[in-house]
Amino acid sequence: MATLSFADLKAKAEETQKENGLVFIAKDGKEILLRPLLHLSKTELKNALAHVKVIENEDFDFEVRLDAIDQILVVAADRKDAMKKSLADLPTESRMEIFSAWMEAAQGPEASSSTS
């Protein structure tokens, strides 16, 4: 008979978070794990998806969309306060770089598209 336990599921989820998340070294020199969307709590996911809608809506001006990017990174962070402080002192280009790297990490390894 197969058995599932909360502890086993939690351990598996934490391992997957590390594999598909992005580690960011914060302003304080300590690691922050930016977790993939599918590994957020129900409330965090709801907040993150609201920010995704803002980011994707070109009717919003750049500053509003950039703020939504910052907010989604904070939601995904396992150390939210440290992420806020780090983002506050980074230029726009750097914040976009973190967001892009986090999105790429969450997609996991791509299949090879070699044509040779």
Protein backbone atom coordinates (compact mmCIF):
# COMPACT_ATOMS: atom_id res chain seq x y z
CA MET A 1 0.00 0.00 0.00
CA ALA A 2 1.39 3.39 -1.01
CA THR A 3 1.68 6.11 1.60
CA LEU A 4 2.17 9.86 1.29
CA SER A 5 3.25 11.94 4.24
CA PHE A 6 3.25 15.68 4.80
CA ALA A 7 6.93 15.58 5.81
CA ASP A 8 7.94 13.73 2.63
CA LEU A 9 5.94 16.08 0.40
CA LYS A 10 7.36 19.14 2.17
CA ALA A 11 10.94 17.84 1.80
CA LYS A 12 10.39 17.11 -1.90
CA ALA A 13 8.91 20.58 -2.46
CA GLU A 14 11.86 22.25 -0.71
CA GLU A 15 14.35 20.32 -2.86
CA THR A 16 12.48 21.27 -6.05
CA GLN A 17 12.38 24.92 -4.94
CA LYS A 18 16.16 24.93 -4.76
CA GLU A 19 16.52 23.21 -8.14
CA ASN A 20 14.06 25.46 -9.99
CA GLY A 21 14.46 28.64 -7.97
CA LEU A 22 17.11 31.32 -8.13
CA VAL A 23 19.58 32.06 -5.37
CA PHE A 24 20.28 35.79 -5.07
CA ILE A 25 22.98 37.14 -2.78
CA ALA A 26 21.33 40.08 -1.06
CA LYS A 27 22.70 43.44 -0.02
CA ASP A 28 23.36 41.94 3.45
CA GLY A 29 25.59 39.26 1.84
CA LYS A 30 23.21 36.41 2.67
CA GLU A 31 21.32 34.16 0.28
CA ILE A 32 17.72 34.73 -0.72
CA LEU A 33 15.88 31.94 -2.51
CA LEU A 34 13.51 33.22 -5.17
CA ARG A 35 11.02 30.38 -5.35
CA PRO A 36 9.20 29.37 -8.54
CA LEU A 37 5.56 30.46 -8.76
CA LEU A 38 4.29 26.90 -8.34
CA HIS A 39 6.07 26.66 -4.98
CA LEU A 40 4.43 29.69 -3.39
CA SER A 41 1.70 29.43 -0.80
CA LYS A 42 -1.89 29.96 -1.94
CA THR A 43 -1.88 33.58 -0.75
CA GLU A 44 1.55 34.32 -2.21
CA LEU A 45 0.55 32.82 -5.56
CA LYS A 46 -2.62 34.94 -5.67
CA ASN A 47 -0.54 38.08 -5.01
CA ALA A 48 2.10 37.07 -7.56
CA LEU A 49 -0.49 36.43 -10.28
CA ALA A 50 -2.01 39.87 -9.66
CA HIS A 51 1.44 41.37 -10.28
CA VAL A 52 1.88 39.26 -13.43
CA LYS A 53 -1.32 40.80 -14.84
CA VAL A 54 0.12 44.29 -14.27
CA ILE A 55 3.49 43.36 -15.81
CA GLU A 56 1.81 41.95 -18.94
CA ASN A 57 -0.62 44.87 -19.37
CA GLU A 58 0.99 47.38 -21.70
CA ASP A 59 -1.66 49.97 -20.78
CA PHE A 60 0.22 50.55 -17.52
CA ASP A 61 3.20 52.88 -17.67
CA PHE A 62 6.73 51.59 -17.23
CA GLU A 63 7.07 52.65 -13.59
CA VAL A 64 3.90 50.80 -12.56
CA ARG A 65 5.05 47.66 -14.38
CA LEU A 66 8.54 47.92 -12.88
CA ASP A 67 7.03 48.23 -9.40
CA ALA A 68 5.01 45.05 -10.11
CA ILE A 69 8.27 43.26 -11.05
CA ASP A 70 9.80 44.35 -7.74
CA GLN A 71 6.71 43.19 -5.87
CA ILE A 72 6.63 39.77 -7.51
CA LEU A 73 10.32 39.26 -6.64
CA VAL A 74 9.54 40.12 -3.01
CA VAL A 75 6.60 37.70 -3.00
CA ALA A 76 8.84 34.93 -4.41
CA ALA A 77 11.65 35.61 -1.93
CA ASP A 78 12.07 33.49 1.17
CA ARG A 79 13.54 36.58 2.90
CA LYS A 80 11.13 39.31 1.88
CA ASP A 81 12.56 42.20 3.88
CA ALA A 82 16.10 41.58 2.64
CA MET A 83 14.80 41.41 -0.94
CA LYS A 84 12.97 44.74 -0.57
CA LYS A 85 16.11 46.41 0.78
CA SER A 86 18.28 44.97 -1.99
CA LEU A 87 15.90 46.01 -4.77
CA ALA A 88 15.58 49.53 -3.37
CA ASP A 89 19.29 50.14 -3.92
CA LEU A 90 19.62 48.60 -7.39
CA PRO A 91 19.18 50.37 -10.73
CA THR A 92 16.32 49.38 -13.02
CA GLU A 93 18.54 47.33 -15.32
CA SER A 94 19.78 45.18 -12.42
CA ARG A 95 16.26 44.59 -11.12
CA MET A 96 15.18 43.48 -14.61
CA GLU A 97 18.20 41.15 -14.76
CA ILE A 98 17.15 39.46 -11.50
CA PHE A 99 13.59 39.06 -12.79
CA SER A 100 14.77 37.55 -16.09
CA ALA A 101 17.16 35.15 -14.36
CA TRP A 102 14.40 34.07 -11.97
CA MET A 103 11.99 33.43 -14.85
CA GLU A 104 14.64 31.42 -16.73
CA ALA A 105 15.51 29.37 -13.63
CA ALA A 106 11.85 28.49 -13.08
CA GLN A 107 11.59 27.09 -16.62
CA GLY A 108 14.25 24.50 -15.86
CA PRO A 109 16.67 23.03 -18.36
CA GLU A 110 15.70 23.36 -21.99
CA ALA A 111 15.87 20.54 -24.48
CA SER A 112 18.78 20.81 -26.86
CA SER A 113 17.84 22.40 -30.18
CA SER A 114 21.01 21.45 -31.97
CA THR A 115 20.63 21.04 -35.71
CA SER A 116 23.89 19.21 -36.31
